[in-house]
Amino acid sequence: MQKRELGTSGLEVSAIGLGCMGLSHGYGPATDKRDAIALIRAAVERGVTFFDTAEAYGPFANEELVGEALAPFRDQVAIATKFGFEGGNSRLGQDSRPERIR
């Protein structure tokens, strides 16, 4: 798997990432949890180290799924997540206060 460096911090990730939104949000019914975890872990086994999620996919359901699936690999992967929505719901507007982000 080819790698890419992101920014100037030295963070290196796979050239191919896995966007996880469709596993729990946006494209019909959520994927069975066991199948979704198996898919994410199969991606890791094939060299994928960059995963994308967001608090609004669920809300929070996708982040929880990705976190559970990648827990055994936490030191080997990078997870990008989008955040800053009130209650994790993009329809309720933005809330990027520091205490909300924490």
PDB file of N, CA and C in Angstrom:
ATOM      1  N   MET A   1       0.849  -1.180   0.000  1.00  0.00           N
ATOM      2  CA  MET A   1       0.000   0.000   0.000  1.00  0.00           C
ATOM      3  C   MET A   1       0.895   1.243   0.000  1.00  0.00           C
ATOM      4  N   GLN A   2       0.650   2.138  -0.903  1.00  0.00           N
ATOM      5  CA  GLN A   2       1.378   3.402  -0.914  1.00  0.00           C
ATOM      6  C   GLN A   2       0.978   4.233   0.295  1.00  0.00           C
ATOM      7  N   LYS A   3       1.873   5.108   0.702  1.00  0.00           N
ATOM      8  CA  LYS A   3       1.637   5.975   1.853  1.00  0.00           C
ATOM      9  C   LYS A   3       1.654   7.435   1.422  1.00  0.00           C
ATOM     10  N   ARG A   4       1.061   8.285   2.235  1.00  0.00           N
ATOM     11  CA  ARG A   4       1.065   9.733   2.036  1.00  0.00           C
ATOM     12  C   ARG A   4       1.364  10.389   3.382  1.00  0.00           C
ATOM     13  N   GLU A   5       2.088  11.484   3.346  1.00  0.00           N
ATOM     14  CA  GLU A   5       2.311  12.256   4.558  1.00  0.00           C
ATOM     15  C   GLU A   5       1.294  13.388   4.591  1.00  0.00           C
ATOM     16  N   LEU A   6       0.617  13.529   5.716  1.00  0.00           N
ATOM     17  CA  LEU A   6      -0.362  14.601   5.879  1.00  0.00           C
ATOM     18  C   LEU A   6       0.266  15.746   6.651  1.00  0.00           C
ATOM     19  N   GLY A   7       0.199  16.934   6.110  1.00  0.00           N
ATOM     20  CA  GLY A   7       0.710  18.109   6.796  1.00  0.00           C
ATOM     21  C   GLY A   7       2.203  18.055   7.007  1.00  0.00           C
ATOM     22  N   THR A   8       2.643  18.701   8.071  1.00  0.00           N
ATOM     23  CA  THR A   8       4.074  18.786   8.362  1.00  0.00           C
ATOM     24  C   THR A   8       4.458  18.090   9.660  1.00  0.00           C
ATOM     25  N   SER A   9       3.510  17.349  10.258  1.00  0.00           N
ATOM     26  CA  SER A   9       3.777  16.701  11.546  1.00  0.00           C
ATOM     27  C   SER A   9       4.439  15.340  11.400  1.00  0.00           C
ATOM     28  N   GLY A  10       4.543  14.861  10.159  1.00  0.00           N
ATOM     29  CA  GLY A  10       5.107  13.539   9.942  1.00  0.00           C
ATOM     30  C   GLY A  10       4.084  12.423   9.975  1.00  0.00           C
ATOM     31  N   LEU A  11       2.797  12.758  10.094  1.00  0.00           N
ATOM     32  CA  LEU A  11       1.756  11.733  10.097  1.00  0.00           C
ATOM     33  C   LEU A  11       1.686  11.080   8.727  1.00  0.00           C
ATOM     34  N   GLU A  12       1.897   9.776   8.701  1.00  0.00           N
ATOM     35  CA  GLU A  12       1.862   9.025   7.448  1.00  0.00           C
ATOM     36  C   GLU A  12       0.676   8.069   7.468  1.00  0.00           C
ATOM     37  N   VAL A  13      -0.102   8.086   6.398  1.00  0.00           N
ATOM     38  CA  VAL A  13      -1.282   7.230   6.286  1.00  0.00           C
ATOM     39  C   VAL A  13      -1.275   6.552   4.920  1.00  0.00           C
ATOM     40  N   SER A  14      -2.121   5.557   4.767  1.00  0.00           N
ATOM     41  CA  SER A  14      -2.255   4.877   3.483  1.00  0.00           C
ATOM     42  C   SER A  14      -2.813   5.841   2.437  1.00  0.00           C
ATOM     43  N   ALA A  15      -2.389   5.646   1.198  1.00  0.00           N
ATOM     44  CA  ALA A  15      -2.872   6.499   0.109  1.00  0.00           C
ATOM     45  C   ALA A  15      -4.372   6.306  -0.115  1.00  0.00           C
ATOM     46  N   ILE A  16      -4.855   5.142   0.224  1.00  0.00           N
ATOM     47  CA  ILE A  16      -6.288   4.856   0.127  1.00  0.00           C
ATOM     48  C   ILE A  16      -6.850   4.831   1.543  1.00  0.00           C
ATOM     49  N   GLY A  17      -7.885   5.612   1.771  1.00  0.00           N
ATOM     50  CA  GLY A  17      -8.545   5.618   3.070  1.00  0.00           C
ATOM     51  C   GLY A  17      -9.921   4.982   2.944  1.00  0.00           C
ATOM     52  N   LEU A  18     -10.559   4.764   4.072  1.00  0.00           N
ATOM     53  CA  LEU A  18     -11.907   4.205   4.067  1.00  0.00           C
ATOM     54  C   LEU A  18     -12.856   5.200   4.729  1.00  0.00           C
ATOM     55  N   GLY A  19     -13.781   5.720   3.939  1.00  0.00           N
ATOM     56  CA  GLY A  19     -14.851   6.553   4.468  1.00  0.00           C
ATOM     57  C   GLY A  19     -15.934   5.641   5.011  1.00  0.00           C
ATOM     58  N   CYS A  20     -16.266   5.795   6.268  1.00  0.00           N
ATOM     59  CA  CYS A  20     -17.144   4.842   6.951  1.00  0.00           C
ATOM     60  C   CYS A  20     -18.593   5.292   7.081  1.00  0.00           C
ATOM     61  N   MET A  21     -18.944   6.454   6.535  1.00  0.00           N
ATOM     62  CA  MET A  21     -20.289   6.995   6.701  1.00  0.00           C
ATOM     63  C   MET A  21     -21.372   5.983   6.317  1.00  0.00           C
ATOM     64  N   GLY A  22     -21.234   5.365   5.182  1.00  0.00           N
ATOM     65  CA  GLY A  22     -22.277   4.485   4.668  1.00  0.00           C
ATOM     66  C   GLY A  22     -22.545   3.249   5.504  1.00  0.00           C
ATOM     67  N   LEU A  23     -21.674   2.963   6.456  1.00  0.00           N
ATOM     68  CA  LEU A  23     -21.893   1.795   7.300  1.00  0.00           C
ATOM     69  C   LEU A  23     -23.014   1.998   8.309  1.00  0.00           C
ATOM     70  N   SER A  24     -23.314   3.257   8.632  1.00  0.00           N
ATOM     71  CA  SER A  24     -24.368   3.498   9.623  1.00  0.00           C
ATOM     72  C   SER A  24     -25.281   4.660   9.271  1.00  0.00           C
ATOM     73  N   HIS A  25     -25.035   5.335   8.147  1.00  0.00           N
ATOM     74  CA  HIS A  25     -25.765   6.567   7.872  1.00  0.00           C
ATOM     75  C   HIS A  25     -25.740   6.889   6.382  1.00  0.00           C
ATOM     76  N   GLY A  26     -26.837   7.408   5.893  1.00  0.00           N
ATOM     77  CA  GLY A  26     -26.829   8.053   4.588  1.00  0.00           C
ATOM     78  C   GLY A  26     -27.212   7.239   3.379  1.00  0.00           C
ATOM     79  N   TYR A  27     -26.985   5.949   3.397  1.00  0.00           N
ATOM     80  CA  TYR A  27     -27.255   5.140   2.208  1.00  0.00           C
ATOM     81  C   TYR A  27     -28.199   3.988   2.522  1.00  0.00           C
ATOM     82  N   GLY A  28     -29.268   4.266   3.207  1.00  0.00           N
ATOM     83  CA  GLY A  28     -30.212   3.210   3.552  1.00  0.00           C
ATOM     84  C   GLY A  28     -29.930   2.662   4.931  1.00  0.00           C
ATOM     85  N   PRO A  29     -30.436   1.464   5.209  1.00  0.00           N
ATOM     86  CA  PRO A  29     -30.276   0.877   6.546  1.00  0.00           C
ATOM     87  C   PRO A  29     -28.803   0.677   6.903  1.00  0.00           C
ATOM     88  N   ALA A  30     -28.522   0.762   8.182  1.00  0.00           N
ATOM     89  CA  ALA A  30     -27.157   0.543   8.662  1.00  0.00           C
ATOM     90  C   ALA A  30     -26.716  -0.884   8.362  1.00  0.00           C
ATOM     91  N   THR A  31     -25.443  -1.024   8.095  1.00  0.00           N
ATOM     92  CA  THR A  31     -24.843  -2.344   7.905  1.00  0.00           C
ATOM     93  C   THR A  31     -24.866  -3.080   9.237  1.00  0.00           C
ATOM     94  N   ASP A  32     -25.070  -4.383   9.200  1.00  0.00           N
ATOM     95  CA  ASP A  32     -24.996  -5.190  10.411  1.00  0.00           C
ATOM     96  C   ASP A  32     -23.668  -4.896  11.114  1.00  0.00           C
ATOM     97  N   LYS A  33     -23.709  -4.693  12.406  1.00  0.00           N
ATOM     98  CA  LYS A  33     -22.525  -4.284  13.166  1.00  0.00           C
ATOM     99  C   LYS A  33     -21.362  -5.252  12.977  1.00  0.00           C
ATOM    100  N   ARG A  34     -21.626  -6.542  13.058  1.00  0.00           N
ATOM    101  CA  ARG A  34     -20.542  -7.534  12.881  1.00  0.00           C
ATOM    102  C   ARG A  34     -19.930  -7.445  11.497  1.00  0.00           C
ATOM    103  N   ASP A  35     -20.777  -7.256  10.481  1.00  0.00           N
ATOM    104  CA  ASP A  35     -20.273  -7.138   9.111  1.00  0.00           C
ATOM    105  C   ASP A  35     -19.462  -5.858   8.927  1.00  0.00           C
ATOM    106  N   ALA A  36     -19.923  -4.773   9.533  1.00  0.00           N
ATOM    107  CA  ALA A  36     -19.211  -3.496   9.421  1.00  0.00           C
ATOM    108  C   ALA A  36     -17.839  -3.585  10.094  1.00  0.00           C
ATOM    109  N   ILE A  37     -17.779  -4.180  11.263  1.00  0.00           N
ATOM    110  CA  ILE A  37     -16.509  -4.346  11.959  1.00  0.00           C
ATOM    111  C   ILE A  37     -15.572  -5.236  11.140  1.00  0.00           C
ATOM    112  N   ALA A  38     -16.111  -6.310  10.584  1.00  0.00           N
ATOM    113  CA  ALA A  38     -15.292  -7.203   9.746  1.00  0.00           C
ATOM    114  C   ALA A  38     -14.747  -6.465   8.530  1.00  0.00           C
ATOM    115  N   LEU A  39     -15.555  -5.624   7.919  1.00  0.00           N
ATOM    116  CA  LEU A  39     -15.111  -4.862   6.753  1.00  0.00           C
ATOM    117  C   LEU A  39     -13.986  -3.901   7.118  1.00  0.00           C
ATOM    118  N   ILE A  40     -14.150  -3.172   8.207  1.00  0.00           N
ATOM    119  CA  ILE A  40     -13.124  -2.218   8.643  1.00  0.00           C
ATOM    120  C   ILE A  40     -11.829  -2.955   8.973  1.00  0.00           C
ATOM    121  N   ARG A  41     -11.921  -4.064   9.658  1.00  0.00           N
ATOM    122  CA  ARG A  41     -10.717  -4.821  10.018  1.00  0.00           C
ATOM    123  C   ARG A  41     -10.073  -5.459   8.790  1.00  0.00           C
ATOM    124  N   ALA A  42     -10.868  -5.849   7.807  1.00  0.00           N
ATOM    125  CA  ALA A  42     -10.312  -6.367   6.554  1.00  0.00           C
ATOM    126  C   ALA A  42      -9.530  -5.278   5.826  1.00  0.00           C
ATOM    127  N   ALA A  43     -10.008  -4.048   5.905  1.00  0.00           N
ATOM    128  CA  ALA A  43      -9.284  -2.929   5.294  1.00  0.00           C
ATOM    129  C   ALA A  43      -7.923  -2.761   5.961  1.00  0.00           C
ATOM    130  N   VAL A  44      -7.877  -2.864   7.290  1.00  0.00           N
ATOM    131  CA  VAL A  44      -6.601  -2.762   8.007  1.00  0.00           C
ATOM    132  C   VAL A  44      -5.662  -3.880   7.554  1.00  0.00           C
ATOM    133  N   GLU A  45      -6.177  -5.079   7.447  1.00  0.00           N
ATOM    134  CA  GLU A  45      -5.358  -6.220   7.019  1.00  0.00           C
ATOM    135  C   GLU A  45      -4.778  -6.018   5.617  1.00  0.00           C
ATOM    136  N   ARG A  46      -5.440  -5.182   4.816  1.00  0.00           N
ATOM    137  CA  ARG A  46      -4.975  -4.904   3.457  1.00  0.00           C
ATOM    138  C   ARG A  46      -4.112  -3.646   3.378  1.00  0.00           C
ATOM    139  N   GLY A  47      -3.826  -3.057   4.534  1.00  0.00           N
ATOM    140  CA  GLY A  47      -2.914  -1.932   4.577  1.00  0.00           C
ATOM    141  C   GLY A  47      -3.531  -0.556   4.713  1.00  0.00           C
ATOM    142  N   VAL A  48      -4.847  -0.471   4.821  1.00  0.00           N
ATOM    143  CA  VAL A  48      -5.502   0.825   5.006  1.00  0.00           C
ATOM    144  C   VAL A  48      -5.247   1.292   6.442  1.00  0.00           C
ATOM    145  N   THR A  49      -4.779   2.537   6.561  1.00  0.00           N
ATOM    146  CA  THR A  49      -4.497   3.086   7.893  1.00  0.00           C
ATOM    147  C   THR A  49      -5.203   4.413   8.134  1.00  0.00           C
ATOM    148  N   PHE A  50      -6.060   4.840   7.201  1.00  0.00           N
ATOM    149  CA  PHE A  50      -6.736   6.141   7.324  1.00  0.00           C
ATOM    150  C   PHE A  50      -8.237   5.933   7.202  1.00  0.00           C
ATOM    151  N   PHE A  51      -8.970   6.295   8.242  1.00  0.00           N
ATOM    152  CA  PHE A  51     -10.410   6.074   8.312  1.00  0.00           C
ATOM    153  C   PHE A  51     -11.112   7.389   8.614  1.00  0.00           C
ATOM    154  N   ASP A  52     -12.274   7.584   7.991  1.00  0.00           N
ATOM    155  CA  ASP A  52     -13.019   8.828   8.139  1.00  0.00           C
ATOM    156  C   ASP A  52     -14.406   8.549   8.706  1.00  0.00           C
ATOM    157  N   THR A  53     -14.824   9.390   9.653  1.00  0.00           N
ATOM    158  CA  THR A  53     -16.130   9.285  10.284  1.00  0.00           C
ATOM    159  C   THR A  53     -16.592  10.693  10.680  1.00  0.00           C
ATOM    160  N   ALA A  54     -17.726  10.791  11.346  1.00  0.00           N
ATOM    161  CA  ALA A  54     -18.215  12.080  11.852  1.00  0.00           C
ATOM    162  C   ALA A  54     -19.238  11.831  12.942  1.00  0.00           C
ATOM    163  N   GLU A  55     -19.310  12.780  13.873  1.00  0.00           N
ATOM    164  CA  GLU A  55     -20.295  12.640  14.945  1.00  0.00           C
ATOM    165  C   GLU A  55     -21.717  12.677  14.404  1.00  0.00           C
ATOM    166  N   ALA A  56     -21.919  13.345  13.274  1.00  0.00           N
ATOM    167  CA  ALA A  56     -23.261  13.493  12.714  1.00  0.00           C
ATOM    168  C   ALA A  56     -23.767  12.217  12.035  1.00  0.00           C
ATOM    169  N   TYR A  57     -22.898  11.252  11.810  1.00  0.00           N
ATOM    170  CA  TYR A  57     -23.330   9.998  11.184  1.00  0.00           C
ATOM    171  C   TYR A  57     -23.928   9.110  12.265  1.00  0.00           C
ATOM    172  N   GLY A  58     -25.153   9.357  12.582  1.00  0.00           N
ATOM    173  CA  GLY A  58     -25.779   8.532  13.603  1.00  0.00           C
ATOM    174  C   GLY A  58     -26.859   9.246  14.387  1.00  0.00           C
ATOM    175  N   PRO A  59     -26.629  10.277  15.145  1.00  0.00           N
ATOM    176  CA  PRO A  59     -25.339  10.829  15.551  1.00  0.00           C
ATOM    177  C   PRO A  59     -24.575   9.907  16.502  1.00  0.00           C
ATOM    178  N   PHE A  60     -23.297   9.987  16.407  1.00  0.00           N
ATOM    179  CA  PHE A  60     -22.314   9.273  17.227  1.00  0.00           C
ATOM    180  C   PHE A  60     -22.189   7.787  16.909  1.00  0.00           C
ATOM    181  N   ALA A  61     -23.170   7.176  16.262  1.00  0.00           N
ATOM    182  CA  ALA A  61     -23.151   5.737  16.013  1.00  0.00           C
ATOM    183  C   ALA A  61     -21.953   5.322  15.171  1.00  0.00           C
ATOM    184  N   ASN A  62     -21.612   6.115  14.162  1.00  0.00           N
ATOM    185  CA  ASN A  62     -20.507   5.749  13.284  1.00  0.00           C
ATOM    186  C   ASN A  62     -19.173   5.857  14.009  1.00  0.00           C
ATOM    187  N   GLU A  63     -18.993   6.909  14.794  1.00  0.00           N
ATOM    188  CA  GLU A  63     -17.751   7.036  15.557  1.00  0.00           C
ATOM    189  C   GLU A  63     -17.590   5.858  16.523  1.00  0.00           C
ATOM    190  N   GLU A  64     -18.670   5.452  17.159  1.00  0.00           N
ATOM    191  CA  GLU A  64     -18.603   4.320  18.083  1.00  0.00           C
ATOM    192  C   GLU A  64     -18.257   3.033  17.346  1.00  0.00           C
ATOM    193  N   LEU A  65     -18.863   2.830  16.187  1.00  0.00           N
ATOM    194  CA  LEU A  65     -18.581   1.642  15.379  1.00  0.00           C
ATOM    195  C   LEU A  65     -17.115   1.610  14.948  1.00  0.00           C
ATOM    196  N   VAL A  66     -16.637   2.713  14.402  1.00  0.00           N
ATOM    197  CA  VAL A  66     -15.250   2.800  13.936  1.00  0.00           C
ATOM    198  C   VAL A  66     -14.293   2.607  15.119  1.00  0.00           C
ATOM    199  N   GLY A  67     -14.600   3.221  16.242  1.00  0.00           N
ATOM    200  CA  GLY A  67     -13.759   3.064  17.423  1.00  0.00           C
ATOM    201  C   GLY A  67     -13.676   1.624  17.885  1.00  0.00           C
ATOM    202  N   GLU A  68     -14.807   0.944  17.919  1.00  0.00           N
ATOM    203  CA  GLU A  68     -14.801  -0.466  18.333  1.00  0.00           C
ATOM    204  C   GLU A  68     -14.014  -1.324  17.348  1.00  0.00           C
ATOM    205  N   ALA A  69     -14.240  -1.100  16.067  1.00  0.00           N
ATOM    206  CA  ALA A  69     -13.567  -1.910  15.051  1.00  0.00           C
ATOM    207  C   ALA A  69     -12.060  -1.712  15.062  1.00  0.00           C
ATOM    208  N   LEU A  70     -11.621  -0.493  15.329  1.00  0.00           N
ATOM    209  CA  LEU A  70     -10.192  -0.180  15.254  1.00  0.00           C
ATOM    210  C   LEU A  70      -9.470  -0.248  16.589  1.00  0.00           C
ATOM    211  N   ALA A  71     -10.174  -0.544  17.659  1.00  0.00           N
ATOM    212  CA  ALA A  71      -9.540  -0.597  18.981  1.00  0.00           C
ATOM    213  C   ALA A  71      -8.281  -1.473  19.001  1.00  0.00           C
ATOM    214  N   PRO A  72      -8.285  -2.653  18.382  1.00  0.00           N
ATOM    215  CA  PRO A  72      -7.073  -3.478  18.427  1.00  0.00           C
ATOM    216  C   PRO A  72      -5.902  -2.886  17.636  1.00  0.00           C
ATOM    217  N   PHE A  73      -6.183  -1.890  16.811  1.00  0.00           N
ATOM    218  CA  PHE A  73      -5.158  -1.317  15.929  1.00  0.00           C
ATOM    219  C   PHE A  73      -4.887   0.151  16.259  1.00  0.00           C
ATOM    220  N   ARG A  74      -5.292   0.606  17.413  1.00  0.00           N
ATOM    221  CA  ARG A  74      -5.298   2.040  17.715  1.00  0.00           C
ATOM    222  C   ARG A  74      -3.963   2.727  17.529  1.00  0.00           C
ATOM    223  N   ASP A  75      -2.855   2.017  17.670  1.00  0.00           N
ATOM    224  CA  ASP A  75      -1.540   2.623  17.486  1.00  0.00           C
ATOM    225  C   ASP A  75      -1.037   2.512  16.053  1.00  0.00           C
ATOM    226  N   GLN A  76      -1.841   1.917  15.180  1.00  0.00           N
ATOM    227  CA  GLN A  76      -1.413   1.685  13.807  1.00  0.00           C
ATOM    228  C   GLN A  76      -2.224   2.461  12.776  1.00  0.00           C
ATOM    229  N   VAL A  77      -3.279   3.142  13.212  1.00  0.00           N
ATOM    230  CA  VAL A  77      -4.191   3.804  12.277  1.00  0.00           C
ATOM    231  C   VAL A  77      -4.433   5.254  12.674  1.00  0.00           C
ATOM    232  N   ALA A  78      -4.975   6.014  11.719  1.00  0.00           N
ATOM    233  CA  ALA A  78      -5.403   7.391  11.977  1.00  0.00           C
ATOM    234  C   ALA A  78      -6.888   7.484  11.662  1.00  0.00           C
ATOM    235  N   ILE A  79      -7.623   8.156  12.529  1.00  0.00           N
ATOM    236  CA  ILE A  79      -9.057   8.345  12.328  1.00  0.00           C
ATOM    237  C   ILE A  79      -9.328   9.839  12.215  1.00  0.00           C
ATOM    238  N   ALA A  80      -9.940  10.215  11.122  1.00  0.00           N
ATOM    239  CA  ALA A  80     -10.375  11.605  10.948  1.00  0.00           C
ATOM    240  C   ALA A  80     -11.856  11.656  11.271  1.00  0.00           C
ATOM    241  N   THR A  81     -12.252  12.630  12.074  1.00  0.00           N
ATOM    242  CA  THR A  81     -13.660  12.787  12.382  1.00  0.00           C
ATOM    243  C   THR A  81     -14.055  14.250  12.265  1.00  0.00           C
ATOM    244  N   LYS A  82     -15.253  14.449  11.786  1.00  0.00           N
ATOM    245  CA  LYS A  82     -15.792  15.803  11.677  1.00  0.00           C
ATOM    246  C   LYS A  82     -16.729  16.017  12.864  1.00  0.00           C
ATOM    247  N   PHE A  83     -16.668  17.213  13.429  1.00  0.00           N
ATOM    248  CA  PHE A  83     -17.426  17.478  14.648  1.00  0.00           C
ATOM    249  C   PHE A  83     -17.816  18.941  14.686  1.00  0.00           C
ATOM    250  N   GLY A  84     -18.533  19.311  15.718  1.00  0.00           N
ATOM    251  CA  GLY A  84     -18.900  20.700  15.921  1.00  0.00           C
ATOM    252  C   GLY A  84     -20.369  20.988  15.693  1.00  0.00           C
ATOM    253  N   PHE A  85     -21.190  19.963  15.761  1.00  0.00           N
ATOM    254  CA  PHE A  85     -22.625  20.139  15.599  1.00  0.00           C
ATOM    255  C   PHE A  85     -23.310  20.017  16.957  1.00  0.00           C
ATOM    256  N   GLU A  86     -24.370  20.753  17.118  1.00  0.00           N
ATOM    257  CA  GLU A  86     -25.123  20.699  18.366  1.00  0.00           C
ATOM    258  C   GLU A  86     -25.702  19.298  18.553  1.00  0.00           C
ATOM    259  N   GLY A  87     -25.341  18.674  19.650  1.00  0.00           N
ATOM    260  CA  GLY A  87     -25.830  17.334  19.947  1.00  0.00           C
ATOM    261  C   GLY A  87     -25.430  16.296  18.933  1.00  0.00           C
ATOM    262  N   GLY A  88     -24.411  16.578  18.114  1.00  0.00           N
ATOM    263  CA  GLY A  88     -23.995  15.643  17.082  1.00  0.00           C
ATOM    264  C   GLY A  88     -24.919  15.611  15.885  1.00  0.00           C
ATOM    265  N   ASN A  89     -25.869  16.533  15.838  1.00  0.00           N
ATOM    266  CA  ASN A  89     -26.866  16.551  14.769  1.00  0.00           C
ATOM    267  C   ASN A  89     -26.628  17.770  13.881  1.00  0.00           C
ATOM    268  N   SER A  90     -26.236  17.540  12.639  1.00  0.00           N
ATOM    269  CA  SER A  90     -25.910  18.644  11.739  1.00  0.00           C
ATOM    270  C   SER A  90     -27.117  19.533  11.440  1.00  0.00           C
ATOM    271  N   ARG A  91     -28.317  19.023  11.625  1.00  0.00           N
ATOM    272  CA  ARG A  91     -29.527  19.816  11.362  1.00  0.00           C
ATOM    273  C   ARG A  91     -29.828  20.831  12.469  1.00  0.00           C
ATOM    274  N   LEU A  92     -29.206  20.656  13.628  1.00  0.00           N
ATOM    275  CA  LEU A  92     -29.453  21.555  14.752  1.00  0.00           C
ATOM    276  C   LEU A  92     -28.510  22.748  14.770  1.00  0.00           C
ATOM    277  N   GLY A  93     -27.573  22.797  13.853  1.00  0.00           N
ATOM    278  CA  GLY A  93     -26.652  23.919  13.788  1.00  0.00           C
ATOM    279  C   GLY A  93     -25.304  23.598  14.403  1.00  0.00           C
ATOM    280  N   GLN A  94     -24.408  24.539  14.269  1.00  0.00           N
ATOM    281  CA  GLN A  94     -23.040  24.333  14.724  1.00  0.00           C
ATOM    282  C   GLN A  94     -22.874  24.675  16.205  1.00  0.00           C
ATOM    283  N   ASP A  95     -21.979  23.951  16.831  1.00  0.00           N
ATOM    284  CA  ASP A  95     -21.596  24.210  18.207  1.00  0.00           C
ATOM    285  C   ASP A  95     -20.136  23.793  18.352  1.00  0.00           C
ATOM    286  N   SER A  96     -19.248  24.731  18.130  1.00  0.00           N
ATOM    287  CA  SER A  96     -17.815  24.440  18.174  1.00  0.00           C
ATOM    288  C   SER A  96     -17.140  25.047  19.393  1.00  0.00           C
ATOM    289  N   ARG A  97     -17.905  25.231  20.458  1.00  0.00           N
ATOM    290  CA  ARG A  97     -17.301  25.738  21.686  1.00  0.00           C
ATOM    291  C   ARG A  97     -16.298  24.688  22.211  1.00  0.00           C
ATOM    292  N   PRO A  98     -15.200  25.131  22.789  1.00  0.00           N
ATOM    293  CA  PRO A  98     -14.181  24.178  23.284  1.00  0.00           C
ATOM    294  C   PRO A  98     -14.760  23.100  24.199  1.00  0.00           C
ATOM    295  N   GLU A  99     -15.677  23.466  25.102  1.00  0.00           N
ATOM    296  CA  GLU A  99     -16.231  22.458  26.005  1.00  0.00           C
ATOM    297  C   GLU A  99     -17.074  21.414  25.256  1.00  0.00           C
ATOM    298  N   ARG A 100     -17.678  21.805  24.165  1.00  0.00           N
ATOM    299  CA  ARG A 100     -18.459  20.868  23.337  1.00  0.00           C
ATOM    300  C   ARG A 100     -17.532  19.923  22.587  1.00  0.00           C
ATOM    301  N   ILE A 101     -16.450  20.448  22.073  1.00  0.00           N
ATOM    302  CA  ILE A 101     -15.509  19.635  21.295  1.00  0.00           C
ATOM    303  C   ILE A 101     -14.835  18.600  22.177  1.00  0.00           C
ATOM    304  N   ARG A 102     -14.487  18.972  23.397  1.00  0.00           N
ATOM    305  CA  ARG A 102     -13.870  18.002  24.311  1.00  0.00           C
ATOM    306  C   ARG A 102     -14.787  16.845  24.545  1.00  0.00           C
TER     307      ARG A 102
END
